[in-house]
Amino acid sequence: MHYIYVIWNPKNDEFYLGYSEDPWKRLKGHNEGDTKSTQGRIWELVYVEGYINMKFALRREKQLKEGRMRSLLKKRIRASMVSE
């Protein structure tokens, strides 16, 4: 499987969107400083989409990184994190 994932840093309210074949293992790498752009912060996995085809997953990642789609995704994630 191929995954698009979003991790969130609650301290700074930052989001990071990426692609991985194992987002749970990738999260561990982010938290251990394996990725320069996310070093020094603790992240939580807050969103995952799975795809059988890598081509479709990478296309979706690109789509979600565009301005409007990115803001809609962040809004959707934030809404899902609010407890009633």
N, C-alpha and C. Protein backbone atom coordinates (compact mmCIF):
# COMPACT_ATOMS: atom_id res chain seq x y z
N MET A 1 0.84 -1.19 0.00
CA MET A 1 0.00 0.00 0.00
C MET A 1 0.88 1.25 0.00
N HIS A 2 0.29 2.32 -0.46
CA HIS A 2 0.96 3.62 -0.52
C HIS A 2 0.05 4.63 0.20
N TYR A 3 0.67 5.46 1.01
CA TYR A 3 -0.12 6.34 1.87
C TYR A 3 0.28 7.80 1.74
N ILE A 4 -0.71 8.66 1.86
CA ILE A 4 -0.53 10.08 2.07
C ILE A 4 -0.84 10.28 3.54
N TYR A 5 0.01 11.02 4.23
CA TYR A 5 -0.21 11.20 5.66
C TYR A 5 -0.01 12.66 6.05
N VAL A 6 -0.63 13.02 7.14
CA VAL A 6 -0.44 14.35 7.71
C VAL A 6 -0.04 14.15 9.17
N ILE A 7 1.05 14.81 9.55
CA ILE A 7 1.45 14.83 10.95
C ILE A 7 1.28 16.24 11.46
N TRP A 8 1.09 16.35 12.77
CA TRP A 8 0.78 17.63 13.40
C TRP A 8 1.65 17.81 14.63
N ASN A 9 2.17 19.00 14.78
CA ASN A 9 2.92 19.37 15.97
C ASN A 9 2.01 20.26 16.81
N PRO A 10 1.46 19.73 17.92
CA PRO A 10 0.50 20.52 18.71
C PRO A 10 1.11 21.75 19.36
N LYS A 11 2.38 21.70 19.69
CA LYS A 11 3.02 22.83 20.37
C LYS A 11 3.02 24.08 19.48
N ASN A 12 3.34 23.92 18.20
CA ASN A 12 3.40 25.05 17.27
C ASN A 12 2.24 25.06 16.28
N ASP A 13 1.33 24.12 16.40
CA ASP A 13 0.19 23.97 15.49
C ASP A 13 0.66 23.93 14.03
N GLU A 14 1.68 23.12 13.77
CA GLU A 14 2.22 22.94 12.43
C GLU A 14 1.72 21.63 11.84
N PHE A 15 1.51 21.63 10.53
CA PHE A 15 1.15 20.42 9.81
C PHE A 15 2.23 20.10 8.79
N TYR A 16 2.43 18.82 8.54
CA TYR A 16 3.37 18.36 7.51
C TYR A 16 2.68 17.25 6.74
N LEU A 17 2.66 17.37 5.43
CA LEU A 17 2.01 16.39 4.57
C LEU A 17 3.08 15.63 3.79
N GLY A 18 2.96 14.31 3.75
CA GLY A 18 3.95 13.52 3.04
C GLY A 18 3.40 12.23 2.48
N TYR A 19 4.29 11.48 1.84
CA TYR A 19 3.98 10.18 1.25
C TYR A 19 4.88 9.12 1.89
N SER A 20 4.33 7.93 2.09
CA SER A 20 5.14 6.84 2.63
C SER A 20 4.44 5.51 2.38
N GLU A 21 5.21 4.45 2.34
CA GLU A 21 4.62 3.11 2.29
C GLU A 21 4.30 2.62 3.70
N ASP A 22 4.80 3.31 4.70
CA ASP A 22 4.53 2.97 6.10
C ASP A 22 4.51 4.26 6.93
N PRO A 23 3.37 4.95 7.01
CA PRO A 23 3.33 6.24 7.70
C PRO A 23 3.63 6.15 9.19
N TRP A 24 3.37 5.01 9.82
CA TRP A 24 3.64 4.86 11.25
C TRP A 24 5.15 4.78 11.50
N LYS A 25 5.84 4.09 10.63
CA LYS A 25 7.30 4.04 10.71
C LYS A 25 7.89 5.41 10.35
N ARG A 26 7.29 6.06 9.39
CA ARG A 26 7.75 7.39 8.96
C ARG A 26 7.57 8.40 10.08
N LEU A 27 6.47 8.30 10.83
CA LEU A 27 6.24 9.17 11.98
C LEU A 27 7.38 9.02 12.99
N LYS A 28 7.77 7.80 13.24
CA LYS A 28 8.88 7.54 14.15
C LYS A 28 10.14 8.24 13.65
N GLY A 29 10.39 8.18 12.36
CA GLY A 29 11.54 8.85 11.76
C GLY A 29 11.48 10.36 11.92
N HIS A 30 10.29 10.93 11.72
CA HIS A 30 10.12 12.38 11.92
C HIS A 30 10.46 12.75 13.36
N ASN A 31 9.95 11.97 14.30
CA ASN A 31 10.17 12.27 15.72
C ASN A 31 11.61 12.01 16.17
N GLU A 32 12.32 11.19 15.43
CA GLU A 32 13.73 10.91 15.77
C GLU A 32 14.69 11.83 15.01
N GLY A 33 14.15 12.77 14.23
CA GLY A 33 15.00 13.75 13.56
C GLY A 33 15.56 13.31 12.22
N ASP A 34 14.97 12.28 11.60
CA ASP A 34 15.47 11.80 10.31
C ASP A 34 15.15 12.74 9.14
N THR A 35 14.22 13.65 9.34
CA THR A 35 13.82 14.58 8.28
C THR A 35 14.19 15.99 8.71
N LYS A 36 15.02 16.64 7.93
CA LYS A 36 15.54 17.97 8.29
C LYS A 36 14.42 18.99 8.54
N SER A 37 13.39 18.96 7.70
CA SER A 37 12.34 19.98 7.83
C SER A 37 11.44 19.79 9.05
N THR A 38 11.51 18.63 9.71
CA THR A 38 10.65 18.39 10.88
C THR A 38 11.46 18.11 12.14
N GLN A 39 12.76 18.30 12.08
CA GLN A 39 13.63 18.02 13.23
C GLN A 39 13.30 18.88 14.44
N GLY A 40 13.55 18.32 15.61
CA GLY A 40 13.45 19.07 16.84
C GLY A 40 12.05 19.29 17.36
N ARG A 41 11.08 18.63 16.76
CA ARG A 41 9.69 18.78 17.20
C ARG A 41 9.07 17.38 17.34
N ILE A 42 8.05 17.28 18.16
CA ILE A 42 7.33 16.03 18.33
C ILE A 42 6.04 16.11 17.52
N TRP A 43 5.80 15.06 16.73
CA TRP A 43 4.68 15.03 15.80
C TRP A 43 3.70 13.93 16.17
N GLU A 44 2.44 14.14 15.77
CA GLU A 44 1.38 13.14 15.92
C GLU A 44 0.79 12.87 14.55
N LEU A 45 0.52 11.61 14.25
CA LEU A 45 -0.13 11.25 12.99
C LEU A 45 -1.62 11.53 13.12
N VAL A 46 -2.15 12.43 12.27
CA VAL A 46 -3.55 12.85 12.41
C VAL A 46 -4.41 12.54 11.19
N TYR A 47 -3.79 12.10 10.09
CA TYR A 47 -4.58 11.84 8.88
C TYR A 47 -3.82 10.89 7.97
N VAL A 48 -4.52 9.90 7.41
CA VAL A 48 -3.92 8.94 6.49
C VAL A 48 -4.92 8.60 5.38
N GLU A 49 -4.44 8.56 4.14
CA GLU A 49 -5.21 8.06 3.00
C GLU A 49 -4.39 6.94 2.38
N GLY A 50 -5.02 5.81 2.08
CA GLY A 50 -4.31 4.67 1.50
C GLY A 50 -4.66 4.47 0.04
N TYR A 51 -3.65 4.07 -0.75
CA TYR A 51 -3.81 3.81 -2.18
C TYR A 51 -3.07 2.53 -2.55
N ILE A 52 -3.62 1.77 -3.47
CA ILE A 52 -2.96 0.57 -3.97
C ILE A 52 -1.87 0.97 -4.96
N ASN A 53 -2.12 2.01 -5.72
CA ASN A 53 -1.22 2.44 -6.78
C ASN A 53 -0.38 3.64 -6.34
N MET A 54 0.94 3.55 -6.44
CA MET A 54 1.83 4.64 -6.04
C MET A 54 1.58 5.90 -6.86
N LYS A 55 1.31 5.75 -8.13
CA LYS A 55 1.07 6.89 -9.02
C LYS A 55 -0.11 7.74 -8.51
N PHE A 56 -1.18 7.08 -8.11
CA PHE A 56 -2.35 7.80 -7.61
C PHE A 56 -2.05 8.46 -6.27
N ALA A 57 -1.28 7.79 -5.43
CA ALA A 57 -0.93 8.36 -4.12
C ALA A 57 -0.09 9.62 -4.30
N LEU A 58 0.89 9.58 -5.19
CA LEU A 58 1.74 10.75 -5.41
C LEU A 58 0.97 11.89 -6.08
N ARG A 59 0.04 11.54 -6.94
CA ARG A 59 -0.82 12.56 -7.56
C ARG A 59 -1.69 13.24 -6.49
N ARG A 60 -2.22 12.44 -5.59
CA ARG A 60 -3.06 12.98 -4.51
C ARG A 60 -2.22 13.86 -3.56
N GLU A 61 -1.00 13.44 -3.26
CA GLU A 61 -0.12 14.24 -2.41
C GLU A 61 0.09 15.61 -3.03
N LYS A 62 0.39 15.64 -4.31
CA LYS A 62 0.61 16.91 -5.02
C LYS A 62 -0.65 17.77 -4.96
N GLN A 63 -1.81 17.15 -5.18
CA GLN A 63 -3.08 17.85 -5.14
C GLN A 63 -3.33 18.47 -3.77
N LEU A 64 -3.06 17.71 -2.71
CA LEU A 64 -3.31 18.20 -1.35
C LEU A 64 -2.32 19.28 -0.92
N LYS A 65 -1.16 19.35 -1.56
CA LYS A 65 -0.18 20.36 -1.20
C LYS A 65 -0.48 21.72 -1.84
N GLU A 66 -1.44 21.77 -2.76
CA GLU A 66 -1.82 23.03 -3.38
C GLU A 66 -2.63 23.86 -2.38
N GLY A 67 -2.55 25.17 -2.50
CA GLY A 67 -3.12 26.11 -1.55
C GLY A 67 -4.52 25.83 -1.04
N ARG A 68 -5.49 25.82 -1.92
CA ARG A 68 -6.88 25.66 -1.48
C ARG A 68 -7.12 24.29 -0.86
N MET A 69 -6.62 23.26 -1.50
CA MET A 69 -6.82 21.90 -0.97
C MET A 69 -6.13 21.73 0.37
N ARG A 70 -4.95 22.30 0.51
CA ARG A 70 -4.21 22.21 1.78
C ARG A 70 -4.99 22.87 2.91
N SER A 71 -5.54 24.05 2.65
CA SER A 71 -6.29 24.75 3.70
C SER A 71 -7.58 23.99 4.05
N LEU A 72 -8.24 23.41 3.05
CA LEU A 72 -9.45 22.63 3.33
C LEU A 72 -9.13 21.38 4.15
N LEU A 73 -8.01 20.73 3.83
CA LEU A 73 -7.60 19.55 4.58
C LEU A 73 -7.28 19.92 6.04
N LYS A 74 -6.55 21.00 6.24
CA LYS A 74 -6.24 21.45 7.61
C LYS A 74 -7.53 21.74 8.38
N LYS A 75 -8.47 22.39 7.73
CA LYS A 75 -9.75 22.72 8.38
C LYS A 75 -10.49 21.43 8.76
N ARG A 76 -10.48 20.47 7.87
CA ARG A 76 -11.15 19.18 8.13
C ARG A 76 -10.49 18.45 9.30
N ILE A 77 -9.17 18.46 9.31
CA ILE A 77 -8.45 17.79 10.40
C ILE A 77 -8.72 18.47 11.73
N ARG A 78 -8.63 19.79 11.75
CA ARG A 78 -8.89 20.54 12.99
C ARG A 78 -10.31 20.27 13.51
N ALA A 79 -11.28 20.23 12.61
CA ALA A 79 -12.66 19.98 13.02
C ALA A 79 -12.81 18.59 13.62
N SER A 80 -12.06 17.63 13.11
CA SER A 80 -12.16 16.26 13.63
C SER A 80 -11.47 16.11 15.00
N MET A 81 -10.61 17.06 15.34
CA MET A 81 -9.86 16.97 16.60
C MET A 81 -10.59 17.67 17.76
N VAL A 82 -11.69 18.32 17.48
CA VAL A 82 -12.44 19.03 18.52
C VAL A 82 -13.39 18.04 19.19
N SER A 83 -13.30 17.95 20.51
CA SER A 83 -14.23 17.08 21.23
C SER A 83 -15.44 17.88 21.65
N GLU A 84 -16.58 17.23 21.56
CA GLU A 84 -17.84 17.92 21.92
C GLU A 84 -18.28 17.55 23.30
